Amino acid sequence: MTRKFFVAWRAMILGLLEEAKGGGSLKEDADVSALSHLIISSIEGALILYRVLAEPEPLEKTRDALKLVISLHRAEGEEQQQENVPERTRTKSQFRGAPHDT
């Protein structure tokens, strides 16, 4: 992946976080720049571990950790609204056939 890709990816995530902050979903003091770096670094690290270990646990643990970190930055009242959003997660069987399995 190129630098251009990561810059664009970070800009997209940063924009979404800024939108959430501006809309009152995130606390006013949430450091969206730091959160965007954390999200990308965590996902990239989890992808490397997933490829090396050939199991989905790093992806699942990273997803859960990121959810926790982001929840700590939610504005008051946002926790209950998020409980009503359906969980969109992959099962272990959905990870089969990834590049490492070829």
Protein backbone atom coordinates (compact mmCIF):
# COMPACT_ATOMS: atom_id res chain seq x y z
CA MET A 1 0.00 0.00 0.00
CA THR A 2 1.19 3.46 -0.73
CA ARG A 3 1.48 6.58 1.36
CA LYS A 4 -1.29 8.13 -0.77
CA PHE A 5 -3.68 5.35 0.27
CA PHE A 6 -2.98 5.81 3.98
CA VAL A 7 -3.32 9.59 3.73
CA ALA A 8 -6.70 9.20 2.01
CA TRP A 9 -7.83 6.51 4.46
CA ARG A 10 -6.87 8.64 7.45
CA ALA A 11 -8.60 11.67 5.94
CA MET A 12 -11.79 9.65 5.52
CA ILE A 13 -11.72 8.35 9.10
CA LEU A 14 -10.79 11.78 10.45
CA GLY A 15 -13.69 13.33 8.53
CA LEU A 16 -16.13 10.79 9.94
CA LEU A 17 -14.87 11.36 13.47
CA GLU A 18 -15.04 15.15 13.05
CA GLU A 19 -18.58 14.80 11.74
CA ALA A 20 -19.50 12.67 14.77
CA LYS A 21 -17.89 15.20 17.09
CA GLY A 22 -19.62 18.14 15.40
CA GLY A 23 -22.94 16.30 15.53
CA GLY A 24 -22.62 15.69 19.25
CA SER A 25 -21.97 11.94 19.08
CA LEU A 26 -18.43 12.33 20.44
CA LYS A 27 -17.34 14.42 23.40
CA GLU A 28 -16.18 17.95 22.63
CA ASP A 29 -12.69 17.17 23.95
CA ALA A 30 -12.28 13.96 21.90
CA ASP A 31 -8.94 14.02 20.07
CA VAL A 32 -10.17 12.86 16.67
CA SER A 33 -6.70 13.11 15.15
CA ALA A 34 -5.30 10.67 17.71
CA LEU A 35 -8.35 8.42 17.33
CA SER A 36 -7.91 8.26 13.56
CA HIS A 37 -4.26 7.23 13.96
CA LEU A 38 -5.21 4.63 16.57
CA ILE A 39 -7.93 3.14 14.37
CA ILE A 40 -5.67 2.75 11.34
CA SER A 41 -2.69 1.46 13.33
CA SER A 42 -4.86 -1.04 15.18
CA ILE A 43 -6.49 -2.37 12.04
CA GLU A 44 -3.18 -2.67 10.19
CA GLY A 45 -1.58 -4.47 13.14
CA ALA A 46 -4.53 -6.83 13.42
CA LEU A 47 -4.35 -7.60 9.69
CA ILE A 48 -0.68 -8.52 9.97
CA LEU A 49 -1.36 -10.82 12.93
CA TYR A 50 -4.33 -12.34 11.12
CA ARG A 51 -2.19 -13.18 8.11
CA VAL A 52 0.66 -14.58 10.21
CA LEU A 53 -1.47 -16.58 12.65
CA ALA A 54 -4.13 -17.59 10.11
CA GLU A 55 -6.92 -17.06 12.63
CA PRO A 56 -9.48 -14.29 13.15
CA GLU A 57 -8.81 -13.65 16.85
CA PRO A 58 -6.55 -10.61 16.28
CA LEU A 59 -9.28 -8.98 14.17
CA GLU A 60 -11.96 -9.77 16.72
CA LYS A 61 -9.89 -8.53 19.69
CA THR A 62 -8.96 -5.36 17.81
CA ARG A 63 -12.60 -4.72 16.89
CA ASP A 64 -13.61 -5.10 20.53
CA ALA A 65 -10.77 -2.89 21.78
CA LEU A 66 -11.58 -0.14 19.28
CA LYS A 67 -15.25 -0.26 20.26
CA LEU A 68 -14.21 0.21 23.89
CA VAL A 69 -11.87 3.11 23.13
CA ILE A 70 -14.44 4.87 20.97
CA SER A 71 -17.15 4.34 23.59
CA LEU A 72 -14.97 6.21 26.09
CA HIS A 73 -15.18 9.25 23.80
CA ARG A 74 -18.94 9.15 23.20
CA ALA A 75 -20.99 12.11 24.30
CA GLU A 76 -23.49 11.72 27.11
CA GLY A 77 -26.60 9.84 25.98
CA GLU A 78 -24.95 8.28 22.94
CA GLU A 79 -24.39 4.96 24.71
CA GLN A 80 -28.07 4.08 24.74
CA GLN A 81 -28.54 5.05 21.10
CA GLN A 82 -25.70 2.76 20.08
CA GLU A 83 -27.26 -0.22 21.85
CA ASN A 84 -30.04 -0.21 19.27
CA VAL A 85 -27.65 -0.47 16.31
CA PRO A 86 -27.37 -4.06 15.02
CA GLU A 87 -24.00 -5.70 15.46
CA ARG A 88 -22.23 -6.25 12.15
CA THR A 89 -19.47 -8.74 12.76
CA ARG A 90 -17.94 -11.58 10.85
CA THR A 91 -18.00 -15.14 12.03
CA LYS A 92 -14.90 -17.31 11.95
CA SER A 93 -16.20 -19.13 8.88
CA GLN A 94 -16.36 -15.86 6.95
CA PHE A 95 -12.60 -15.44 7.31
CA ARG A 96 -11.87 -18.65 5.44
CA GLY A 97 -10.59 -18.15 1.95
CA ALA A 98 -8.56 -15.08 2.88
CA PRO A 99 -5.26 -14.55 1.04
CA HIS A 100 -3.25 -16.62 3.53
CA ASP A 101 -5.36 -19.71 2.78
CA THR A 102 -4.36 -19.91 -0.87
